[in-house]
Amino acid sequence: KVRIIPLGIDEASYPIINDDAILRRLNLEVSEPYFLFIGVLRYYKGLHTLIQAAKKLNAKVVIAGSGPEGDKLKKLASDLDVNNVVFAGQVSNEEKRSLLAHCTALVLPSHLRSEAYGMVLVEAAMMSKPMISCEIGTGTSYVNKHEETGLVVAPESSKQLSAAMDCLLDESISKSLALNARQRYEALFSGEALGNAYASTYKELV
C-alpha cells in the first residue's frame, strides 16, 4: 500500500512582512501587472522560452534569482531586443513575499524533468496567485492544476506561454484561478493539511 503526502509549507513559518522597497528598486508600480519567476537561473528552468514569450506580451516579466545562466539570459534578452524583462537578481525572503503579493501570476516555465516539483508553485498558491507551468510529467502539474489553479502549457512553446500570460491579464480569469489556488493550498499543502495526512497515515499503520 502506498500513501502519497505532498510537500507543502506551514504558513506560520513563512515571512509575514513585505519589503515593498523592491518594487521601487525595479521601477514597478504597485498596481502594475507583471509576471514573476523566482528561482535559481539554471538550464532546465526554461527561462529562454519566458524571455521569447515576453517579447509578445504587453506587461513586464520579473525574473528574480541568480545562477549560472544569468549572463546568458541577459544576453538573450538584449539580442532579442526584449525591453519588458526585469532581472531582479537575488532577493530576500521579505522581497520575495512582496513580489509574490503584487504579481499577476507566478510563471515556472521549466522544460525538463529536472524540475521535480517546484515548491515556488506552493508558495504562489499560498499567496493566492494563479500559476503558469509546463507539462513535463512531474509534480508541477499536480501542484498547478490546468484551468483550475492556473494554466499548463507545452514546454519550450513561447507561443503557448505568451498566450497563457495574456489570458491571465484578464482580471476575472486570474481572480477565479487565484481563489482556487488558495483553496487547493489549504486542502493539500498547508501545515494543517500535512499534519492531518501524516496523523491519518500513522493511525492506519497502528
C-alpha atoms as a PDB file:
ATOM      1  CA  LYS A   1       0.000   0.000   0.000  1.00  0.00           C
ATOM      2  CA  VAL A   2       1.214   3.456  -0.854  1.00  0.00           C
ATOM      3  CA  ARG A   3       0.133   6.774   0.577  1.00  0.00           C
ATOM      4  CA  ILE A   4       1.431   9.963  -1.039  1.00  0.00           C
ATOM      5  CA  ILE A   5       1.730  13.069   1.099  1.00  0.00           C
ATOM      6  CA  PRO A   6       2.902  16.053  -0.948  1.00  0.00           C
ATOM      7  CA  LEU A   7       5.469  18.624   0.030  1.00  0.00           C
ATOM      8  CA  GLY A   8       3.946  21.760   1.484  1.00  0.00           C
ATOM      9  CA  ILE A   9       4.513  24.890   3.522  1.00  0.00           C
ATOM     10  CA  ASP A  10       3.392  25.792   7.019  1.00  0.00           C
ATOM     11  CA  GLU A  11       2.220  29.357   6.533  1.00  0.00           C
ATOM     12  CA  ALA A  12       3.153  30.222  10.124  1.00  0.00           C
ATOM     13  CA  SER A  13       6.815  29.633   9.248  1.00  0.00           C
ATOM     14  CA  TYR A  14       6.698  31.960   6.227  1.00  0.00           C
ATOM     15  CA  PRO A  15       7.810  35.623   6.408  1.00  0.00           C
ATOM     16  CA  ILE A  16       4.890  37.875   7.345  1.00  0.00           C
ATOM     17  CA  ILE A  17       6.466  41.187   6.335  1.00  0.00           C
ATOM     18  CA  ASN A  18       6.623  42.501   2.787  1.00  0.00           C
ATOM     19  CA  ASP A  19       9.547  44.659   1.678  1.00  0.00           C
ATOM     20  CA  ASP A  20       7.890  46.840  -0.951  1.00  0.00           C
ATOM     21  CA  ALA A  21      11.120  48.755  -1.473  1.00  0.00           C
ATOM     22  CA  ILE A  22      11.908  46.070  -4.037  1.00  0.00           C
ATOM     23  CA  LEU A  23       9.121  47.473  -6.226  1.00  0.00           C
ATOM     24  CA  ARG A  24      10.715  50.907  -6.269  1.00  0.00           C
ATOM     25  CA  ARG A  25      14.128  49.413  -6.959  1.00  0.00           C
ATOM     26  CA  LEU A  26      12.738  47.615 -10.001  1.00  0.00           C
ATOM     27  CA  ASN A  27      10.634  50.603 -11.132  1.00  0.00           C
ATOM     28  CA  LEU A  28       7.388  48.724 -10.645  1.00  0.00           C
ATOM     29  CA  GLU A  29       4.132  50.428  -9.724  1.00  0.00           C
ATOM     30  CA  VAL A  30       2.038  48.740  -7.032  1.00  0.00           C
ATOM     31  CA  SER A  31      -0.920  48.443  -9.411  1.00  0.00           C
ATOM     32  CA  GLU A  32       1.179  47.478 -12.429  1.00  0.00           C
ATOM     33  CA  PRO A  33       0.565  43.982 -13.856  1.00  0.00           C
ATOM     34  CA  TYR A  34       3.660  41.801 -14.086  1.00  0.00           C
ATOM     35  CA  PHE A  35       4.524  38.129 -14.228  1.00  0.00           C
ATOM     36  CA  LEU A  36       7.042  36.663 -11.826  1.00  0.00           C
ATOM     37  CA  PHE A  37       9.629  33.923 -11.951  1.00  0.00           C
ATOM     38  CA  ILE A  38      11.509  33.102  -8.750  1.00  0.00           C
ATOM     39  CA  GLY A  39      14.324  30.580  -8.574  1.00  0.00           C
ATOM     40  CA  VAL A  40      17.881  29.699  -9.394  1.00  0.00           C
ATOM     41  CA  LEU A  41      18.712  30.533 -13.008  1.00  0.00           C
ATOM     42  CA  ARG A  42      19.521  27.007 -14.184  1.00  0.00           C
ATOM     43  CA  TYR A  43      19.498  25.323 -17.588  1.00  0.00           C
ATOM     44  CA  TYR A  44      16.246  23.419 -17.003  1.00  0.00           C
ATOM     45  CA  LYS A  45      14.135  26.374 -15.875  1.00  0.00           C
ATOM     46  CA  GLY A  46      13.009  27.249 -19.397  1.00  0.00           C
ATOM     47  CA  LEU A  47      13.803  30.933 -18.977  1.00  0.00           C
ATOM     48  CA  HIS A  48      14.889  31.263 -22.590  1.00  0.00           C
ATOM     49  CA  THR A  49      11.286  30.492 -23.540  1.00  0.00           C
ATOM     50  CA  LEU A  50       9.980  33.002 -20.993  1.00  0.00           C
ATOM     51  CA  ILE A  51      12.146  35.748 -22.491  1.00  0.00           C
ATOM     52  CA  GLN A  52      10.974  34.852 -26.002  1.00  0.00           C
ATOM     53  CA  ALA A  53       7.354  34.911 -24.812  1.00  0.00           C
ATOM     54  CA  ALA A  54       7.828  38.271 -23.090  1.00  0.00           C
ATOM     55  CA  LYS A  55       8.545  39.924 -26.422  1.00  0.00           C
ATOM     56  CA  LYS A  56       4.895  39.364 -27.398  1.00  0.00           C
ATOM     57  CA  LEU A  57       3.469  40.471 -24.038  1.00  0.00           C
ATOM     58  CA  ASN A  58       2.043  43.841 -23.035  1.00  0.00           C
ATOM     59  CA  ALA A  59       3.268  43.566 -19.451  1.00  0.00           C
ATOM     60  CA  LYS A  60       6.538  43.203 -17.579  1.00  0.00           C
ATOM     61  CA  VAL A  61       8.190  39.933 -16.622  1.00  0.00           C
ATOM     62  CA  VAL A  62      10.290  39.916 -13.459  1.00  0.00           C
ATOM     63  CA  ILE A  63      12.982  37.255 -13.142  1.00  0.00           C
ATOM     64  CA  ALA A  64      14.100  37.065  -9.520  1.00  0.00           C
ATOM     65  CA  GLY A  65      17.132  34.988  -8.611  1.00  0.00           C
ATOM     66  CA  SER A  66      20.690  34.350  -9.637  1.00  0.00           C
ATOM     67  CA  GLY A  67      22.532  31.399 -11.103  1.00  0.00           C
ATOM     68  CA  PRO A  68      24.834  30.023 -13.786  1.00  0.00           C
ATOM     69  CA  GLU A  69      22.530  31.011 -16.666  1.00  0.00           C
ATOM     70  CA  GLY A  70      22.208  34.659 -15.599  1.00  0.00           C
ATOM     71  CA  ASP A  71      24.626  36.275 -18.067  1.00  0.00           C
ATOM     72  CA  LYS A  72      23.403  34.087 -20.935  1.00  0.00           C
ATOM     73  CA  LEU A  73      19.792  35.071 -20.284  1.00  0.00           C
ATOM     74  CA  LYS A  74      20.598  38.777 -20.112  1.00  0.00           C
ATOM     75  CA  LYS A  75      22.405  38.498 -23.437  1.00  0.00           C
ATOM     76  CA  LEU A  76      19.407  36.700 -24.946  1.00  0.00           C
ATOM     77  CA  ALA A  77      17.077  39.487 -23.807  1.00  0.00           C
ATOM     78  CA  SER A  78      19.446  42.050 -25.311  1.00  0.00           C
ATOM     79  CA  ASP A  79      19.852  40.148 -28.580  1.00  0.00           C
ATOM     80  CA  LEU A  80      16.073  39.804 -28.958  1.00  0.00           C
ATOM     81  CA  ASP A  81      15.563  43.463 -28.003  1.00  0.00           C
ATOM     82  CA  VAL A  82      13.198  42.465 -25.201  1.00  0.00           C
ATOM     83  CA  ASN A  83      12.700  45.550 -23.034  1.00  0.00           C
ATOM     84  CA  ASN A  84       9.993  44.348 -20.654  1.00  0.00           C
ATOM     85  CA  VAL A  85      12.052  41.716 -18.805  1.00  0.00           C
ATOM     86  CA  VAL A  86      13.387  42.888 -15.445  1.00  0.00           C
ATOM     87  CA  PHE A  87      16.248  40.951 -13.852  1.00  0.00           C
ATOM     88  CA  ALA A  88      15.829  41.454 -10.119  1.00  0.00           C
ATOM     89  CA  GLY A  89      18.848  39.430  -9.011  1.00  0.00           C
ATOM     90  CA  GLN A  90      18.913  37.703  -5.655  1.00  0.00           C
ATOM     91  CA  VAL A  91      16.078  38.800  -3.372  1.00  0.00           C
ATOM     92  CA  SER A  92      15.458  38.451   0.362  1.00  0.00           C
ATOM     93  CA  ASN A  93      12.542  36.463   1.767  1.00  0.00           C
ATOM     94  CA  GLU A  94      10.712  39.700   2.507  1.00  0.00           C
ATOM     95  CA  GLU A  95      11.334  40.987  -1.025  1.00  0.00           C
ATOM     96  CA  LYS A  96      10.170  37.671  -2.442  1.00  0.00           C
ATOM     97  CA  ARG A  97       6.951  37.916  -0.467  1.00  0.00           C
ATOM     98  CA  SER A  98       6.378  41.425  -1.772  1.00  0.00           C
ATOM     99  CA  LEU A  99       6.970  40.392  -5.383  1.00  0.00           C
ATOM    100  CA  LEU A 100       4.566  37.470  -4.971  1.00  0.00           C
ATOM    101  CA  ALA A 101       1.956  39.639  -3.277  1.00  0.00           C
ATOM    102  CA  HIS A 102       1.824  42.145  -6.125  1.00  0.00           C
ATOM    103  CA  CYS A 103       2.369  39.974  -9.204  1.00  0.00           C
ATOM    104  CA  THR A 104      -0.338  38.988 -11.662  1.00  0.00           C
ATOM    105  CA  ALA A 105       0.798  35.367 -11.707  1.00  0.00           C
ATOM    106  CA  LEU A 106       3.765  33.121 -10.985  1.00  0.00           C
ATOM    107  CA  VAL A 107       5.432  31.571 -14.032  1.00  0.00           C
ATOM    108  CA  LEU A 108       7.537  28.417 -13.803  1.00  0.00           C
ATOM    109  CA  PRO A 109       8.499  27.593 -17.418  1.00  0.00           C
ATOM    110  CA  SER A 110      10.783  24.647 -16.588  1.00  0.00           C
ATOM    111  CA  HIS A 111      11.027  22.394 -19.642  1.00  0.00           C
ATOM    112  CA  LEU A 112      12.955  19.391 -18.296  1.00  0.00           C
ATOM    113  CA  ARG A 113      12.140  16.758 -15.681  1.00  0.00           C
ATOM    114  CA  SER A 114      14.950  18.084 -13.502  1.00  0.00           C
ATOM    115  CA  GLU A 115      12.124  20.267 -12.124  1.00  0.00           C
ATOM    116  CA  ALA A 116      10.610  17.549  -9.993  1.00  0.00           C
ATOM    117  CA  TYR A 117       8.041  19.537  -8.020  1.00  0.00           C
ATOM    118  CA  GLY A 118       8.512  23.307  -7.876  1.00  0.00           C
ATOM    119  CA  MET A 119       7.999  24.480  -4.291  1.00  0.00           C
ATOM    120  CA  VAL A 120       7.644  28.019  -5.592  1.00  0.00           C
ATOM    121  CA  LEU A 121       4.286  26.911  -7.017  1.00  0.00           C
ATOM    122  CA  VAL A 122       3.154  26.042  -3.488  1.00  0.00           C
ATOM    123  CA  GLU A 123       4.327  29.469  -2.340  1.00  0.00           C
ATOM    124  CA  ALA A 124       2.293  31.120  -5.079  1.00  0.00           C
ATOM    125  CA  ALA A 125      -0.802  29.094  -4.208  1.00  0.00           C
ATOM    126  CA  MET A 126      -0.373  30.024  -0.550  1.00  0.00           C
ATOM    127  CA  MET A 127      -0.270  33.686  -1.599  1.00  0.00           C
ATOM    128  CA  SER A 128      -3.462  33.261  -3.674  1.00  0.00           C
ATOM    129  CA  LYS A 129      -1.727  33.648  -7.013  1.00  0.00           C
ATOM    130  CA  PRO A 130      -2.557  31.841 -10.243  1.00  0.00           C
ATOM    131  CA  MET A 131       0.266  29.902 -11.864  1.00  0.00           C
ATOM    132  CA  ILE A 132       1.608  29.033 -15.283  1.00  0.00           C
ATOM    133  CA  SER A 133       3.790  25.947 -15.663  1.00  0.00           C
ATOM    134  CA  CYS A 134       4.734  23.402 -18.319  1.00  0.00           C
ATOM    135  CA  GLU A 135       3.622  19.791 -18.696  1.00  0.00           C
ATOM    136  CA  ILE A 136       6.830  17.846 -18.103  1.00  0.00           C
ATOM    137  CA  GLY A 137       5.433  14.759 -16.387  1.00  0.00           C
ATOM    138  CA  THR A 138       6.496  15.693 -12.854  1.00  0.00           C
ATOM    139  CA  GLY A 139       4.852  17.091  -9.742  1.00  0.00           C
ATOM    140  CA  THR A 140       4.477  20.589 -11.173  1.00  0.00           C
ATOM    141  CA  SER A 141       1.178  19.644 -12.802  1.00  0.00           C
ATOM    142  CA  TYR A 142      -0.020  18.187  -9.504  1.00  0.00           C
ATOM    143  CA  VAL A 143       0.523  21.476  -7.699  1.00  0.00           C
ATOM    144  CA  ASN A 144      -0.772  23.580 -10.589  1.00  0.00           C
ATOM    145  CA  LYS A 145      -3.941  22.003 -11.977  1.00  0.00           C
ATOM    146  CA  HIS A 146      -4.660  23.143 -15.512  1.00  0.00           C
ATOM    147  CA  GLU A 147      -7.616  25.539 -15.737  1.00  0.00           C
ATOM    148  CA  GLU A 148      -8.237  25.137 -12.005  1.00  0.00           C
ATOM    149  CA  THR A 149      -5.356  26.906 -10.256  1.00  0.00           C
ATOM    150  CA  GLY A 150      -3.638  28.214 -13.373  1.00  0.00           C
ATOM    151  CA  LEU A 151      -2.604  27.174 -16.848  1.00  0.00           C
ATOM    152  CA  VAL A 152      -0.299  24.372 -18.019  1.00  0.00           C
ATOM    153  CA  VAL A 153       1.349  24.737 -21.419  1.00  0.00           C
ATOM    154  CA  ALA A 154       3.700  22.743 -23.599  1.00  0.00           C
ATOM    155  CA  PRO A 155       7.404  23.089 -22.703  1.00  0.00           C
ATOM    156  CA  GLU A 156       9.520  25.414 -24.831  1.00  0.00           C
ATOM    157  CA  SER A 157       6.496  26.898 -26.591  1.00  0.00           C
ATOM    158  CA  SER A 158       6.866  30.659 -26.423  1.00  0.00           C
ATOM    159  CA  LYS A 159       3.584  30.977 -28.328  1.00  0.00           C
ATOM    160  CA  GLN A 160       1.590  28.997 -25.749  1.00  0.00           C
ATOM    161  CA  LEU A 161       3.386  30.652 -22.838  1.00  0.00           C
ATOM    162  CA  SER A 162       2.710  34.135 -24.174  1.00  0.00           C
ATOM    163  CA  ALA A 163      -0.945  33.267 -24.798  1.00  0.00           C
ATOM    164  CA  ALA A 164      -1.292  31.925 -21.246  1.00  0.00           C
ATOM    165  CA  MET A 165       0.176  35.090 -19.744  1.00  0.00           C
ATOM    166  CA  ASP A 166      -2.038  37.226 -21.955  1.00  0.00           C
ATOM    167  CA  CYS A 167      -5.048  35.219 -20.772  1.00  0.00           C
ATOM    168  CA  LEU A 168      -4.231  35.879 -17.122  1.00  0.00           C
ATOM    169  CA  LEU A 169      -4.117  39.613 -17.736  1.00  0.00           C
ATOM    170  CA  ASP A 170      -7.910  39.245 -17.743  1.00  0.00           C
ATOM    171  CA  GLU A 171      -8.667  40.009 -14.106  1.00  0.00           C
ATOM    172  CA  SER A 172     -11.857  37.959 -13.983  1.00  0.00           C
ATOM    173  CA  ILE A 173      -9.962  34.854 -15.062  1.00  0.00           C
ATOM    174  CA  SER A 174      -6.944  35.394 -12.828  1.00  0.00           C
ATOM    175  CA  LYS A 175      -9.099  36.102  -9.752  1.00  0.00           C
ATOM    176  CA  SER A 176     -11.020  32.847 -10.157  1.00  0.00           C
ATOM    177  CA  LEU A 177      -7.836  30.820 -10.565  1.00  0.00           C
ATOM    178  CA  ALA A 178      -6.250  32.621  -7.616  1.00  0.00           C
ATOM    179  CA  LEU A 179      -9.152  31.664  -5.346  1.00  0.00           C
ATOM    180  CA  ASN A 180      -8.890  28.042  -6.441  1.00  0.00           C
ATOM    181  CA  ALA A 181      -5.122  28.081  -5.909  1.00  0.00           C
ATOM    182  CA  ARG A 182      -5.530  29.209  -2.303  1.00  0.00           C
ATOM    183  CA  GLN A 183      -8.231  26.596  -1.665  1.00  0.00           C
ATOM    184  CA  ARG A 184      -6.031  23.843  -3.092  1.00  0.00           C
ATOM    185  CA  TYR A 185      -3.150  25.027  -0.908  1.00  0.00           C
ATOM    186  CA  GLU A 186      -5.329  24.849   2.194  1.00  0.00           C
ATOM    187  CA  ALA A 187      -6.651  21.398   1.277  1.00  0.00           C
ATOM    188  CA  LEU A 188      -3.367  19.736   0.287  1.00  0.00           C
ATOM    189  CA  PHE A 189      -0.230  21.777   1.009  1.00  0.00           C
ATOM    190  CA  SER A 190      -0.848  23.716   4.234  1.00  0.00           C
ATOM    191  CA  GLY A 191       0.641  22.810   7.603  1.00  0.00           C
ATOM    192  CA  GLU A 192      -2.761  21.679   8.846  1.00  0.00           C
ATOM    193  CA  ALA A 193      -3.404  19.523   5.783  1.00  0.00           C
ATOM    194  CA  LEU A 194       0.007  17.858   6.012  1.00  0.00           C
ATOM    195  CA  GLY A 195      -0.368  17.291   9.751  1.00  0.00           C
ATOM    196  CA  ASN A 196      -3.730  15.622   9.241  1.00  0.00           C
ATOM    197  CA  ALA A 197      -2.350  13.493   6.397  1.00  0.00           C
ATOM    198  CA  TYR A 198       0.584  12.238   8.486  1.00  0.00           C
ATOM    199  CA  ALA A 199      -1.626  11.622  11.528  1.00  0.00           C
ATOM    200  CA  SER A 200      -4.103   9.633   9.429  1.00  0.00           C
ATOM    201  CA  THR A 201      -1.295   7.526   7.940  1.00  0.00           C
ATOM    202  CA  TYR A 202       0.228   6.770  11.348  1.00  0.00           C
ATOM    203  CA  LYS A 203      -3.194   5.797  12.743  1.00  0.00           C
ATOM    204  CA  GLU A 204      -3.733   3.438   9.820  1.00  0.00           C
ATOM    205  CA  LEU A 205      -0.361   1.803  10.435  1.00  0.00           C
ATOM    206  CA  VAL A 206      -1.025   1.116  14.093  1.00  0.00           C
END
